[in-house]
Protein backbone atom coordinates (compact mmCIF):
# COMPACT_ATOMS: atom_id res chain seq x y z
CA UNK A 1 156.35 72.79 110.45
CA UNK A 2 154.52 72.80 107.20
CA UNK A 3 152.88 75.99 106.24
CA UNK A 4 149.44 75.72 104.64
CA UNK A 5 148.34 78.37 102.29
CA UNK A 6 144.68 79.02 102.11
CA UNK A 7 143.59 79.30 98.59
CA UNK A 8 141.24 82.06 97.56
CA UNK A 9 137.70 80.89 97.02
CA UNK A 10 136.89 80.16 93.44
CA UNK A 11 135.13 83.05 91.78
CA UNK A 12 131.40 82.59 91.53
CA UNK A 13 130.17 81.95 88.04
CA UNK A 14 128.93 85.07 86.37
CA UNK A 15 125.30 85.50 87.21
CA UNK A 16 123.03 85.59 84.21
CA UNK A 17 120.92 88.68 84.05
CA UNK A 18 117.27 87.98 84.68
CA UNK A 19 115.45 87.47 81.42
CA UNK A 20 112.81 90.07 80.95
CA UNK A 21 109.95 89.31 78.64
CA UNK A 22 110.36 91.06 75.34
CA UNK A 23 108.17 94.11 75.04
CA UNK A 24 105.37 93.72 72.58
CA UNK A 25 105.99 95.66 69.41
CA UNK A 26 102.36 96.79 69.20
CA UNK A 27 100.49 98.22 72.17
CA UNK A 28 96.77 98.68 71.64
CA UNK A 29 94.00 99.89 73.92
CA UNK A 30 90.38 99.04 73.27
CA UNK A 31 87.88 101.30 75.03
CA UNK A 32 84.44 99.75 75.53
CA UNK A 33 81.32 100.28 77.63
CA UNK A 34 80.51 96.96 79.22
CA UNK A 35 80.08 93.69 77.39
CA UNK A 36 77.74 94.92 74.70
CA UNK A 37 77.43 93.26 71.32
CA UNK A 38 79.41 96.10 69.70
CA UNK A 39 82.17 95.88 72.31
CA UNK A 40 82.52 92.11 71.99
CA UNK A 41 82.48 92.33 68.18
CA UNK A 42 85.24 94.96 68.23
CA UNK A 43 87.38 92.84 70.57
CA UNK A 44 86.93 89.69 68.47
CA UNK A 45 87.73 91.56 65.26
CA UNK A 46 90.78 93.23 66.81
CA UNK A 47 92.14 89.90 68.07
CA UNK A 48 91.67 88.30 64.66
CA UNK A 49 93.45 91.17 62.90
CA UNK A 50 96.32 91.12 65.38
CA UNK A 51 96.82 87.36 65.17
CA UNK A 52 96.80 87.52 61.38
CA UNK A 53 98.90 90.65 60.75
CA UNK A 54 101.08 91.31 63.82
CA UNK A 55 103.42 88.35 64.03
CA UNK A 56 106.08 90.48 65.79
CA UNK A 57 103.89 90.65 68.88
CA UNK A 58 101.12 92.74 70.32
CA UNK A 59 99.25 93.49 73.51
CA UNK A 60 95.62 94.55 73.84
CA UNK A 61 94.45 96.31 76.97
CA UNK A 62 90.66 96.43 77.25
CA UNK A 63 89.38 99.42 79.22
CA UNK A 64 85.74 99.35 80.31
CA UNK A 65 84.60 102.95 80.64
CA UNK A 66 81.57 101.91 82.73
CA UNK A 67 84.03 100.82 85.43
CA UNK A 68 86.72 103.47 84.84
CA UNK A 69 85.14 106.53 83.16
CA UNK A 70 88.05 108.78 84.17
CA UNK A 71 90.34 106.86 81.78
CA UNK A 72 88.51 108.30 78.76
CA UNK A 73 90.28 111.63 79.25
CA UNK A 74 93.81 110.33 78.73
CA UNK A 75 93.21 109.30 75.12
CA UNK A 76 90.34 111.77 74.55
CA UNK A 77 87.75 109.06 73.91
CA UNK A 78 84.49 110.46 72.54
CA UNK A 79 82.85 107.29 71.20
CA UNK A 80 83.08 103.57 71.85
CA UNK A 81 84.30 101.11 70.90
CA UNK A 82 87.57 102.87 70.15
CA UNK A 83 91.02 101.40 69.51
CA UNK A 84 94.09 103.49 70.30
CA UNK A 85 97.44 102.38 68.93
CA UNK A 86 99.96 103.57 71.53
CA UNK A 87 103.00 101.88 69.97
CA UNK A 88 104.51 102.06 67.47
CA UNK A 89 104.32 105.82 67.30
CA UNK A 90 102.52 107.87 66.08
CA UNK A 91 99.34 107.27 68.04
CA UNK A 92 96.41 106.20 65.87
CA UNK A 93 92.72 106.10 66.81
CA UNK A 94 90.02 103.95 65.21
CA UNK A 95 86.34 104.07 66.14
CA UNK A 96 83.80 101.32 65.57
CA UNK A 97 83.48 97.54 65.60
CA UNK A 98 86.43 97.05 63.22
CA UNK A 99 84.42 94.91 60.79
CA UNK A 100 86.03 96.40 57.67
CA UNK A 101 89.44 94.73 57.87
CA UNK A 102 90.94 96.73 55.00
CA UNK A 103 90.03 100.04 56.65
CA UNK A 104 91.41 98.84 60.00
CA UNK A 105 94.70 97.80 58.37
CA UNK A 106 95.00 101.22 56.74
CA UNK A 107 94.01 102.94 59.99
CA UNK A 108 96.63 101.03 61.98
CA UNK A 109 99.17 101.80 59.24
CA UNK A 110 99.64 98.15 58.37
CA UNK A 111 98.66 98.64 54.75
CA UNK A 112 98.82 101.62 52.42
CA UNK A 113 95.55 103.18 51.34
CA UNK A 114 94.42 102.13 47.90
């Protein structure tokens, strides 16, 4: 009688770890009160600045304080529109419509003050 030897099942190929999206290097929050002209101007200016100067990646979270007024406490928002740079540390806060690009770049620590 011939003896058959069961072979061990072939090892499963190593599973690749799930690819997580890379965290954005810059995390910004823009606090606004509704879709006012000032709020929309600040958002447009912030997007333009980010697309031009933050090639390593960024995320902008828009927080409408008319809908979520309790969120103003966390970052101590006293005026709007206000941008809070959460990352990279240290936290930076800029108030206004962000029309003066040079001042915004200095405020976000992207350019040294002149």
